[in-house]
Amino acid sequence: MLAGHFPGDPLVPGVILTEALAQTAGIVAASQHPQNSQPRFLLSAIRQMKFFQAVRPEEKIRLRARKIGEVGELLQFEVEALIDNTLVAAGQLVLNALPTERLNH
């Protein structure tokens, strides 16, 4: 998957790190709902995202997400990715909760 990204010196693309952080925020958001009625969440905005160092495919990344705001169906999260307690990426993401009735159509 990452072999074409800088051959001989592979790294994890920032878009992959951002997606992993959005998925982590979605898990946090879903955990606040009963398991049988968890809505789906879509990434709506990347408010800020900074990358502090390159991440290699073999490195173990710890992902964190903390909800910092909510307006209607929009949820804002502060997110960060760490390797060995070193911050490698951080930012804010906004997720949109899809109403349950939209999921059934």
PDB file of N, CA and C in Angstrom:
ATOM      1  N   MET A   1       0.819  -1.191   0.000  1.00  0.00           N
ATOM      2  CA  MET A   1       0.000   0.000   0.000  1.00  0.00           C
ATOM      3  C   MET A   1       0.865   1.257   0.000  1.00  0.00           C
ATOM      4  N   LEU A   2       1.916   1.296   0.789  1.00  0.00           N
ATOM      5  CA  LEU A   2       2.723   2.501   0.897  1.00  0.00           C
ATOM      6  C   LEU A   2       4.019   2.408   0.097  1.00  0.00           C
ATOM      7  N   ALA A   3       4.206   1.330  -0.641  1.00  0.00           N
ATOM      8  CA  ALA A   3       5.464   1.120  -1.355  1.00  0.00           C
ATOM      9  C   ALA A   3       5.755   2.239  -2.341  1.00  0.00           C
ATOM     10  N   GLY A   4       4.733   2.823  -2.957  1.00  0.00           N
ATOM     11  CA  GLY A   4       4.946   3.880  -3.937  1.00  0.00           C
ATOM     12  C   GLY A   4       5.199   5.245  -3.329  1.00  0.00           C
ATOM     13  N   HIS A   5       4.983   5.378  -2.034  1.00  0.00           N
ATOM     14  CA  HIS A   5       5.212   6.657  -1.371  1.00  0.00           C
ATOM     15  C   HIS A   5       6.682   6.737  -0.981  1.00  0.00           C
ATOM     16  N   PHE A   6       7.457   7.470  -1.721  1.00  0.00           N
ATOM     17  CA  PHE A   6       8.882   7.610  -1.487  1.00  0.00           C
ATOM     18  C   PHE A   6       9.582   6.247  -1.456  1.00  0.00           C
ATOM     19  N   PRO A   7       9.699   5.594  -2.610  1.00  0.00           N
ATOM     20  CA  PRO A   7      10.353   4.272  -2.679  1.00  0.00           C
ATOM     21  C   PRO A   7      11.713   4.289  -1.975  1.00  0.00           C
ATOM     22  N   GLY A   8      11.943   3.262  -1.186  1.00  0.00           N
ATOM     23  CA  GLY A   8      13.177   3.163  -0.423  1.00  0.00           C
ATOM     24  C   GLY A   8      13.142   3.922   0.888  1.00  0.00           C
ATOM     25  N   ASP A   9      12.170   4.784   1.066  1.00  0.00           N
ATOM     26  CA  ASP A   9      12.033   5.569   2.302  1.00  0.00           C
ATOM     27  C   ASP A   9      10.543   5.787   2.567  1.00  0.00           C
ATOM     28  N   PRO A  10       9.779   4.686   2.757  1.00  0.00           N
ATOM     29  CA  PRO A  10       8.320   4.813   2.865  1.00  0.00           C
ATOM     30  C   PRO A  10       7.885   5.576   4.111  1.00  0.00           C
ATOM     31  N   LEU A  11       6.773   6.283   3.969  1.00  0.00           N
ATOM     32  CA  LEU A  11       6.167   6.946   5.117  1.00  0.00           C
ATOM     33  C   LEU A  11       4.650   6.863   5.003  1.00  0.00           C
ATOM     34  N   VAL A  12       4.005   7.076   6.119  1.00  0.00           N
ATOM     35  CA  VAL A  12       2.544   7.063   6.169  1.00  0.00           C
ATOM     36  C   VAL A  12       2.066   8.446   5.732  1.00  0.00           C
ATOM     37  N   PRO A  13       1.259   8.524   4.667  1.00  0.00           N
ATOM     38  CA  PRO A  13       0.773   9.828   4.205  1.00  0.00           C
ATOM     39  C   PRO A  13      -0.091  10.523   5.265  1.00  0.00           C
ATOM     40  N   GLY A  14      -0.025  11.839   5.285  1.00  0.00           N
ATOM     41  CA  GLY A  14      -0.815  12.616   6.236  1.00  0.00           C
ATOM     42  C   GLY A  14      -2.301  12.355   6.114  1.00  0.00           C
ATOM     43  N   VAL A  15      -2.773  12.097   4.905  1.00  0.00           N
ATOM     44  CA  VAL A  15      -4.202  11.822   4.718  1.00  0.00           C
ATOM     45  C   VAL A  15      -4.603  10.524   5.427  1.00  0.00           C
ATOM     46  N   ILE A  16      -3.700   9.548   5.478  1.00  0.00           N
ATOM     47  CA  ILE A  16      -3.991   8.291   6.193  1.00  0.00           C
ATOM     48  C   ILE A  16      -4.026   8.545   7.696  1.00  0.00           C
ATOM     49  N   LEU A  17      -3.091   9.333   8.210  1.00  0.00           N
ATOM     50  CA  LEU A  17      -3.113   9.680   9.639  1.00  0.00           C
ATOM     51  C   LEU A  17      -4.385  10.444   9.995  1.00  0.00           C
ATOM     52  N   THR A  18      -4.777  11.373   9.127  1.00  0.00           N
ATOM     53  CA  THR A  18      -5.987  12.157   9.375  1.00  0.00           C
ATOM     54  C   THR A  18      -7.212  11.257   9.380  1.00  0.00           C
ATOM     55  N   GLU A  19      -7.295  10.330   8.445  1.00  0.00           N
ATOM     56  CA  GLU A  19      -8.428   9.387   8.404  1.00  0.00           C
ATOM     57  C   GLU A  19      -8.455   8.528   9.658  1.00  0.00           C
ATOM     58  N   ALA A  20      -7.305   8.044  10.097  1.00  0.00           N
ATOM     59  CA  ALA A  20      -7.248   7.229  11.325  1.00  0.00           C
ATOM     60  C   ALA A  20      -7.725   8.042  12.524  1.00  0.00           C
ATOM     61  N   LEU A  21      -7.358   9.307  12.582  1.00  0.00           N
ATOM     62  CA  LEU A  21      -7.813  10.167  13.679  1.00  0.00           C
ATOM     63  C   LEU A  21      -9.313  10.432  13.585  1.00  0.00           C
ATOM     64  N   ALA A  22      -9.837  10.587  12.374  1.00  0.00           N
ATOM     65  CA  ALA A  22     -11.286  10.776  12.196  1.00  0.00           C
ATOM     66  C   ALA A  22     -12.040   9.520  12.632  1.00  0.00           C
ATOM     67  N   GLN A  23     -11.506   8.347  12.295  1.00  0.00           N
ATOM     68  CA  GLN A  23     -12.135   7.093  12.730  1.00  0.00           C
ATOM     69  C   GLN A  23     -12.124   6.988  14.258  1.00  0.00           C
ATOM     70  N   THR A  24     -11.030   7.411  14.870  1.00  0.00           N
ATOM     71  CA  THR A  24     -10.933   7.391  16.335  1.00  0.00           C
ATOM     72  C   THR A  24     -11.968   8.331  16.944  1.00  0.00           C
ATOM     73  N   ALA A  25     -12.116   9.521  16.381  1.00  0.00           N
ATOM     74  CA  ALA A  25     -13.136  10.463  16.864  1.00  0.00           C
ATOM     75  C   ALA A  25     -14.531   9.864  16.698  1.00  0.00           C
ATOM     76  N   GLY A  26     -14.767   9.154  15.596  1.00  0.00           N
ATOM     77  CA  GLY A  26     -16.058   8.499  15.382  1.00  0.00           C
ATOM     78  C   GLY A  26     -16.349   7.440  16.431  1.00  0.00           C
ATOM     79  N   ILE A  27     -15.329   6.712  16.832  1.00  0.00           N
ATOM     80  CA  ILE A  27     -15.501   5.700  17.891  1.00  0.00           C
ATOM     81  C   ILE A  27     -15.863   6.380  19.203  1.00  0.00           C
ATOM     82  N   VAL A  28     -15.182   7.482  19.515  1.00  0.00           N
ATOM     83  CA  VAL A  28     -15.493   8.236  20.734  1.00  0.00           C
ATOM     84  C   VAL A  28     -16.934   8.742  20.679  1.00  0.00           C
ATOM     85  N   ALA A  29     -17.324   9.310  19.544  1.00  0.00           N
ATOM     86  CA  ALA A  29     -18.679   9.848  19.395  1.00  0.00           C
ATOM     87  C   ALA A  29     -19.726   8.743  19.522  1.00  0.00           C
ATOM     88  N   ALA A  30     -19.493   7.603  18.890  1.00  0.00           N
ATOM     89  CA  ALA A  30     -20.448   6.494  18.932  1.00  0.00           C
ATOM     90  C   ALA A  30     -20.569   5.916  20.336  1.00  0.00           C
ATOM     91  N   SER A  31     -19.492   5.981  21.105  1.00  0.00           N
ATOM     92  CA  SER A  31     -19.526   5.402  22.451  1.00  0.00           C
ATOM     93  C   SER A  31     -20.482   6.150  23.376  1.00  0.00           C
ATOM     94  N   GLN A  32     -20.941   7.332  22.978  1.00  0.00           N
ATOM     95  CA  GLN A  32     -21.868   8.113  23.790  1.00  0.00           C
ATOM     96  C   GLN A  32     -23.325   7.776  23.481  1.00  0.00           C
ATOM     97  N   HIS A  33     -23.552   6.771  22.639  1.00  0.00           N
ATOM     98  CA  HIS A  33     -24.894   6.342  22.261  1.00  0.00           C
ATOM     99  C   HIS A  33     -25.072   4.870  22.623  1.00  0.00           C
ATOM    100  N   PRO A  34     -26.317   4.440  22.883  1.00  0.00           N
ATOM    101  CA  PRO A  34     -26.548   3.010  23.117  1.00  0.00           C
ATOM    102  C   PRO A  34     -26.084   2.209  21.902  1.00  0.00           C
ATOM    103  N   GLN A  35     -25.544   1.036  22.147  1.00  0.00           N
ATOM    104  CA  GLN A  35     -24.960   0.246  21.066  1.00  0.00           C
ATOM    105  C   GLN A  35     -25.958  -0.074  19.952  1.00  0.00           C
ATOM    106  N   ASN A  36     -27.226  -0.234  20.279  1.00  0.00           N
ATOM    107  CA  ASN A  36     -28.217  -0.590  19.259  1.00  0.00           C
ATOM    108  C   ASN A  36     -28.749   0.613  18.486  1.00  0.00           C
ATOM    109  N   SER A  37     -28.294   1.841  18.824  1.00  0.00           N
ATOM    110  CA  SER A  37     -28.776   3.017  18.088  1.00  0.00           C
ATOM    111  C   SER A  37     -27.656   4.022  17.812  1.00  0.00           C
ATOM    112  N   GLN A  38     -26.467   3.514  17.545  1.00  0.00           N
ATOM    113  CA  GLN A  38     -25.343   4.401  17.269  1.00  0.00           C
ATOM    114  C   GLN A  38     -25.460   4.968  15.855  1.00  0.00           C
ATOM    115  N   PRO A  39     -25.446   6.293  15.721  1.00  0.00           N
ATOM    116  CA  PRO A  39     -25.469   6.884  14.379  1.00  0.00           C
ATOM    117  C   PRO A  39     -24.115   6.708  13.700  1.00  0.00           C
ATOM    118  N   ARG A  40     -24.103   6.949  12.403  1.00  0.00           N
ATOM    119  CA  ARG A  40     -22.834   6.995  11.678  1.00  0.00           C
ATOM    120  C   ARG A  40     -22.358   8.440  11.699  1.00  0.00           C
ATOM    121  N   PHE A  41     -21.063   8.593  11.562  1.00  0.00           N
ATOM    122  CA  PHE A  41     -20.468   9.921  11.584  1.00  0.00           C
ATOM    123  C   PHE A  41     -19.620  10.104  10.334  1.00  0.00           C
ATOM    124  N   LEU A  42     -19.737  11.280   9.732  1.00  0.00           N
ATOM    125  CA  LEU A  42     -18.950  11.622   8.555  1.00  0.00           C
ATOM    126  C   LEU A  42     -17.989  12.750   8.888  1.00  0.00           C
ATOM    127  N   LEU A  43     -16.797  12.686   8.347  1.00  0.00           N
ATOM    128  CA  LEU A  43     -15.848  13.773   8.511  1.00  0.00           C
ATOM    129  C   LEU A  43     -16.353  14.964   7.701  1.00  0.00           C
ATOM    130  N   SER A  44     -16.615  16.071   8.377  1.00  0.00           N
ATOM    131  CA  SER A  44     -17.170  17.254   7.724  1.00  0.00           C
ATOM    132  C   SER A  44     -16.146  18.356   7.518  1.00  0.00           C
ATOM    133  N   ALA A  45     -15.176  18.456   8.421  1.00  0.00           N
ATOM    134  CA  ALA A  45     -14.193  19.525   8.304  1.00  0.00           C
ATOM    135  C   ALA A  45     -12.916  19.155   9.033  1.00  0.00           C
ATOM    136  N   ILE A  46     -11.827  19.625   8.472  1.00  0.00           N
ATOM    137  CA  ILE A  46     -10.529  19.546   9.128  1.00  0.00           C
ATOM    138  C   ILE A  46     -10.206  20.982   9.512  1.00  0.00           C
ATOM    139  N   ARG A  47     -10.396  21.298  10.769  1.00  0.00           N
ATOM    140  CA  ARG A  47     -10.228  22.680  11.227  1.00  0.00           C
ATOM    141  C   ARG A  47      -8.754  23.055  11.241  1.00  0.00           C
ATOM    142  N   GLN A  48      -7.955  22.162  11.716  1.00  0.00           N
ATOM    143  CA  GLN A  48      -6.510  22.347  11.744  1.00  0.00           C
ATOM    144  C   GLN A  48      -5.908  20.951  11.734  1.00  0.00           C
ATOM    145  N   MET A  49      -4.779  20.794  11.117  1.00  0.00           N
ATOM    146  CA  MET A  49      -4.040  19.534  11.222  1.00  0.00           C
ATOM    147  C   MET A  49      -2.580  19.866  10.968  1.00  0.00           C
ATOM    148  N   LYS A  50      -1.743  19.486  11.896  1.00  0.00           N
ATOM    149  CA  LYS A  50      -0.311  19.718  11.768  1.00  0.00           C
ATOM    150  C   LYS A  50       0.413  18.395  11.925  1.00  0.00           C
ATOM    151  N   PHE A  51       1.476  18.248  11.147  1.00  0.00           N
ATOM    152  CA  PHE A  51       2.299  17.039  11.179  1.00  0.00           C
ATOM    153  C   PHE A  51       3.699  17.458  11.611  1.00  0.00           C
ATOM    154  N   PHE A  52       4.181  16.850  12.685  1.00  0.00           N
ATOM    155  CA  PHE A  52       5.421  17.295  13.302  1.00  0.00           C
ATOM    156  C   PHE A  52       6.637  16.472  12.920  1.00  0.00           C
ATOM    157  N   GLN A  53       6.410  15.224  12.509  1.00  0.00           N
ATOM    158  CA  GLN A  53       7.513  14.397  12.036  1.00  0.00           C
ATOM    159  C   GLN A  53       6.961  13.271  11.180  1.00  0.00           C
ATOM    160  N   ALA A  54       7.832  12.714  10.346  1.00  0.00           N
ATOM    161  CA  ALA A  54       7.428  11.617   9.464  1.00  0.00           C
ATOM    162  C   ALA A  54       7.089  10.375  10.289  1.00  0.00           C
ATOM    163  N   VAL A  55       6.101   9.634   9.801  1.00  0.00           N
ATOM    164  CA  VAL A  55       5.696   8.380  10.435  1.00  0.00           C
ATOM    165  C   VAL A  55       5.986   7.258   9.446  1.00  0.00           C
ATOM    166  N   ARG A  56       6.664   6.240   9.914  1.00  0.00           N
ATOM    167  CA  ARG A  56       7.023   5.094   9.082  1.00  0.00           C
ATOM    168  C   ARG A  56       5.968   3.993   9.235  1.00  0.00           C
ATOM    169  N   PRO A  57       5.740   3.203   8.174  1.00  0.00           N
ATOM    170  CA  PRO A  57       4.694   2.168   8.210  1.00  0.00           C
ATOM    171  C   PRO A  57       4.841   1.170   9.359  1.00  0.00           C
ATOM    172  N   GLU A  58       6.053   0.873   9.791  1.00  0.00           N
ATOM    173  CA  GLU A  58       6.248  -0.142  10.840  1.00  0.00           C
ATOM    174  C   GLU A  58       6.080   0.417  12.250  1.00  0.00           C
ATOM    175  N   GLU A  59       5.895   1.720  12.407  1.00  0.00           N
ATOM    176  CA  GLU A  59       5.803   2.317  13.734  1.00  0.00           C
ATOM    177  C   GLU A  59       4.403   2.154  14.326  1.00  0.00           C
ATOM    178  N   LYS A  60       4.365   1.958  15.629  1.00  0.00           N
ATOM    179  CA  LYS A  60       3.099   1.845  16.355  1.00  0.00           C
ATOM    180  C   LYS A  60       2.635   3.248  16.730  1.00  0.00           C
ATOM    181  N   ILE A  61       1.440   3.592  16.262  1.00  0.00           N
ATOM    182  CA  ILE A  61       0.897   4.933  16.478  1.00  0.00           C
ATOM    183  C   ILE A  61      -0.231   4.852  17.501  1.00  0.00           C
ATOM    184  N   ARG A  62      -0.204   5.718  18.503  1.00  0.00           N
ATOM    185  CA  ARG A  62      -1.303   5.809  19.469  1.00  0.00           C
ATOM    186  C   ARG A  62      -2.157   7.010  19.066  1.00  0.00           C
ATOM    187  N   LEU A  63      -3.453   6.778  18.924  1.00  0.00           N
ATOM    188  CA  LEU A  63      -4.389   7.805  18.478  1.00  0.00           C
ATOM    189  C   LEU A  63      -5.277   8.236  19.641  1.00  0.00           C
ATOM    190  N   ARG A  64      -5.524   9.528  19.733  1.00  0.00           N
ATOM    191  CA  ARG A  64      -6.393  10.061  20.782  1.00  0.00           C
ATOM    192  C   ARG A  64      -7.384  11.043  20.167  1.00  0.00           C
ATOM    193  N   ALA A  65      -8.598  11.065  20.720  1.00  0.00           N
ATOM    194  CA  ALA A  65      -9.618  12.027  20.305  1.00  0.00           C
ATOM    195  C   ALA A  65     -10.417  12.437  21.534  1.00  0.00           C
ATOM    196  N   ARG A  66     -10.665  13.734  21.644  1.00  0.00           N
ATOM    197  CA  ARG A  66     -11.436  14.265  22.776  1.00  0.00           C
ATOM    198  C   ARG A  66     -12.434  15.273  22.225  1.00  0.00           C
ATOM    199  N   LYS A  67     -13.710  15.061  22.553  1.00  0.00           N
ATOM    200  CA  LYS A  67     -14.744  15.987  22.090  1.00  0.00           C
ATOM    201  C   LYS A  67     -14.600  17.306  22.823  1.00  0.00           C
ATOM    202  N   ILE A  68     -14.565  18.404  22.037  1.00  0.00           N
ATOM    203  CA  ILE A  68     -14.403  19.730  22.647  1.00  0.00           C
ATOM    204  C   ILE A  68     -15.581  20.643  22.352  1.00  0.00           C
ATOM    205  N   GLY A  69     -16.519  20.193  21.516  1.00  0.00           N
ATOM    206  CA  GLY A  69     -17.674  21.021  21.232  1.00  0.00           C
ATOM    207  C   GLY A  69     -18.733  20.271  20.452  1.00  0.00           C
ATOM    208  N   GLU A  70     -19.959  20.793  20.539  1.00  0.00           N
ATOM    209  CA  GLU A  70     -21.081  20.171  19.830  1.00  0.00           C
ATOM    210  C   GLU A  70     -22.118  21.249  19.531  1.00  0.00           C
ATOM    211  N   VAL A  71     -22.535  21.302  18.263  1.00  0.00           N
ATOM    212  CA  VAL A  71     -23.606  22.201  17.841  1.00  0.00           C
ATOM    213  C   VAL A  71     -24.519  21.379  16.947  1.00  0.00           C
ATOM    214  N   GLY A  72     -25.704  21.067  17.448  1.00  0.00           N
ATOM    215  CA  GLY A  72     -26.623  20.220  16.686  1.00  0.00           C
ATOM    216  C   GLY A  72     -25.987  18.879  16.385  1.00  0.00           C
ATOM    217  N   GLU A  73     -25.908  18.559  15.101  1.00  0.00           N
ATOM    218  CA  GLU A  73     -25.340  17.271  14.682  1.00  0.00           C
ATOM    219  C   GLU A  73     -23.838  17.343  14.431  1.00  0.00           C
ATOM    220  N   LEU A  74     -23.226  18.498  14.636  1.00  0.00           N
ATOM    221  CA  LEU A  74     -21.791  18.657  14.415  1.00  0.00           C
ATOM    222  C   LEU A  74     -21.031  18.500  15.721  1.00  0.00           C
ATOM    223  N   LEU A  75     -20.011  17.667  15.688  1.00  0.00           N
ATOM    224  CA  LEU A  75     -19.187  17.398  16.862  1.00  0.00           C
ATOM    225  C   LEU A  75     -17.746  17.770  16.540  1.00  0.00           C
ATOM    226  N   GLN A  76     -17.128  18.567  17.385  1.00  0.00           N
ATOM    227  CA  GLN A  76     -15.741  18.970  17.158  1.00  0.00           C
ATOM    228  C   GLN A  76     -14.833  18.212  18.118  1.00  0.00           C
ATOM    229  N   PHE A  77     -13.712  17.725  17.588  1.00  0.00           N
ATOM    230  CA  PHE A  77     -12.767  16.934  18.364  1.00  0.00           C
ATOM    231  C   PHE A  77     -11.369  17.505  18.258  1.00  0.00           C
ATOM    232  N   GLU A  78     -10.656  17.418  19.360  1.00  0.00           N
ATOM    233  CA  GLU A  78      -9.223  17.659  19.365  1.00  0.00           C
ATOM    234  C   GLU A  78      -8.591  16.276  19.213  1.00  0.00           C
ATOM    235  N   VAL A  79      -7.691  16.124  18.250  1.00  0.00           N
ATOM    236  CA  VAL A  79      -7.110  14.813  17.973  1.00  0.00           C
ATOM    237  C   VAL A  79      -5.590  14.896  17.988  1.00  0.00           C
ATOM    238  N   GLU A  80      -4.964  13.758  18.297  1.00  0.00           N
ATOM    239  CA  GLU A  80      -3.509  13.697  18.242  1.00  0.00           C
ATOM    240  C   GLU A  80      -3.044  12.280  17.991  1.00  0.00           C
ATOM    241  N   ALA A  81      -1.892  12.179  17.341  1.00  0.00           N
ATOM    242  CA  ALA A  81      -1.237  10.905  17.084  1.00  0.00           C
ATOM    243  C   ALA A  81       0.143  10.965  17.727  1.00  0.00           C
ATOM    244  N   LEU A  82       0.496   9.893  18.424  1.00  0.00           N
ATOM    245  CA  LEU A  82       1.780   9.852  19.132  1.00  0.00           C
ATOM    246  C   LEU A  82       2.527   8.571  18.804  1.00  0.00           C
ATOM    247  N   ILE A  83       3.836   8.675  18.789  1.00  0.00           N
ATOM    248  CA  ILE A  83       4.715   7.513  18.692  1.00  0.00           C
ATOM    249  C   ILE A  83       5.672   7.611  19.866  1.00  0.00           C
ATOM    250  N   ASP A  84       5.670   6.588  20.708  1.00  0.00           N
ATOM    251  CA  ASP A  84       6.532   6.595  21.899  1.00  0.00           C
ATOM    252  C   ASP A  84       6.414   7.904  22.680  1.00  0.00           C
ATOM    253  N   ASN A  85       5.186   8.344  22.920  1.00  0.00           N
ATOM    254  CA  ASN A  85       4.892   9.574  23.671  1.00  0.00           C
ATOM    255  C   ASN A  85       5.384  10.857  22.994  1.00  0.00           C
ATOM    256  N   THR A  86       5.752  10.772  21.718  1.00  0.00           N
ATOM    257  CA  THR A  86       6.142  11.958  20.956  1.00  0.00           C
ATOM    258  C   THR A  86       5.006  12.313  20.016  1.00  0.00           C
ATOM    259  N   LEU A  87       4.546  13.553  20.099  1.00  0.00           N
ATOM    260  CA  LEU A  87       3.458  14.018  19.249  1.00  0.00           C
ATOM    261  C   LEU A  87       3.932  14.095  17.799  1.00  0.00           C
ATOM    262  N   VAL A  88       3.243  13.372  16.898  1.00  0.00           N
ATOM    263  CA  VAL A  88       3.617  13.386  15.483  1.00  0.00           C
ATOM    264  C   VAL A  88       2.571  14.093  14.624  1.00  0.00           C
ATOM    265  N   ALA A  89       1.340  14.215  15.124  1.00  0.00           N
ATOM    266  CA  ALA A  89       0.288  14.933  14.398  1.00  0.00           C
ATOM    267  C   ALA A  89      -0.761  15.382  15.402  1.00  0.00           C
ATOM    268  N   ALA A  90      -1.379  16.543  15.131  1.00  0.00           N
ATOM    269  CA  ALA A  90      -2.426  17.051  16.019  1.00  0.00           C
ATOM    270  C   ALA A  90      -3.291  18.030  15.247  1.00  0.00           C
ATOM    271  N   GLY A  91      -4.536  18.144  15.691  1.00  0.00           N
ATOM    272  CA  GLY A  91      -5.428  19.095  15.056  1.00  0.00           C
ATOM    273  C   GLY A  91      -6.827  19.010  15.613  1.00  0.00           C
ATOM    274  N   GLN A  92      -7.765  19.581  14.851  1.00  0.00           N
ATOM    275  CA  GLN A  92      -9.176  19.545  15.211  1.00  0.00           C
ATOM    276  C   GLN A  92      -9.970  19.061  14.005  1.00  0.00           C
ATOM    277  N   LEU A  93     -10.901  18.169  14.273  1.00  0.00           N
ATOM    278  CA  LEU A  93     -11.759  17.612  13.238  1.00  0.00           C
ATOM    279  C   LEU A  93     -13.216  17.816  13.632  1.00  0.00           C
ATOM    280  N   VAL A  94     -14.073  17.989  12.632  1.00  0.00           N
ATOM    281  CA  VAL A  94     -15.510  18.110  12.862  1.00  0.00           C
ATOM    282  C   VAL A  94     -16.191  16.932  12.186  1.00  0.00           C
ATOM    283  N   LEU A  95     -17.003  16.220  12.962  1.00  0.00           N
ATOM    284  CA  LEU A  95     -17.793  15.113  12.437  1.00  0.00           C
ATOM    285  C   LEU A  95     -19.260  15.521  12.408  1.00  0.00           C
ATOM    286  N   ASN A  96     -19.980  14.986  11.443  1.00  0.00           N
ATOM    287  CA  ASN A  96     -21.412  15.225  11.312  1.00  0.00           C
ATOM    288  C   ASN A  96     -22.124  13.917  11.604  1.00  0.00           C
ATOM    289  N   ALA A  97     -23.014  13.921  12.590  1.00  0.00           N
ATOM    290  CA  ALA A  97     -23.791  12.728  12.927  1.00  0.00           C
ATOM    291  C   ALA A  97     -24.945  12.615  11.950  1.00  0.00           C
ATOM    292  N   LEU A  98     -25.033  11.473  11.282  1.00  0.00           N
ATOM    293  CA  LEU A  98     -26.157  11.252  10.387  1.00  0.00           C
ATOM    294  C   LEU A  98     -27.356  10.809  11.212  1.00  0.00           C
ATOM    295  N   PRO A  99     -28.474  11.487  11.079  1.00  0.00           N
ATOM    296  CA  PRO A  99     -29.671  11.069  11.819  1.00  0.00           C
ATOM    297  C   PRO A  99     -30.030   9.615  11.494  1.00  0.00           C
ATOM    298  N   THR A 100     -30.518   8.898  12.481  1.00  0.00           N
ATOM    299  CA  THR A 100     -30.840   7.476  12.323  1.00  0.00           C
ATOM    300  C   THR A 100     -31.813   7.246  11.176  1.00  0.00           C
ATOM    301  N   GLU A 101     -32.811   8.132  10.999  1.00  0.00           N
ATOM    302  CA  GLU A 101     -33.792   7.934   9.934  1.00  0.00           C
ATOM    303  C   GLU A 101     -33.157   8.007   8.546  1.00  0.00           C
ATOM    304  N   ARG A 102     -32.073   8.773   8.377  1.00  0.00           N
ATOM    305  CA  ARG A 102     -31.370   8.842   7.084  1.00  0.00           C
ATOM    306  C   ARG A 102     -30.630   7.545   6.785  1.00  0.00           C
ATOM    307  N   LEU A 103     -30.272   6.796   7.817  1.00  0.00           N
ATOM    308  CA  LEU A 103     -29.537   5.560   7.624  1.00  0.00           C
ATOM    309  C   LEU A 103     -30.405   4.468   7.031  1.00  0.00           C
ATOM    310  N   ASN A 104     -31.723   4.555   7.211  1.00  0.00           N
ATOM    311  CA  ASN A 104     -32.618   3.498   6.768  1.00  0.00           C
ATOM    312  C   ASN A 104     -33.118   3.703   5.347  1.00  0.00           C
ATOM    313  N   HIS A 105     -32.729   4.748   4.665  1.00  0.00           N
ATOM    314  CA  HIS A 105     -33.207   5.016   3.308  1.00  0.00           C
ATOM    315  C   HIS A 105     -32.190   4.628   2.270  1.00  0.00           C
TER     316      HIS A 105
END
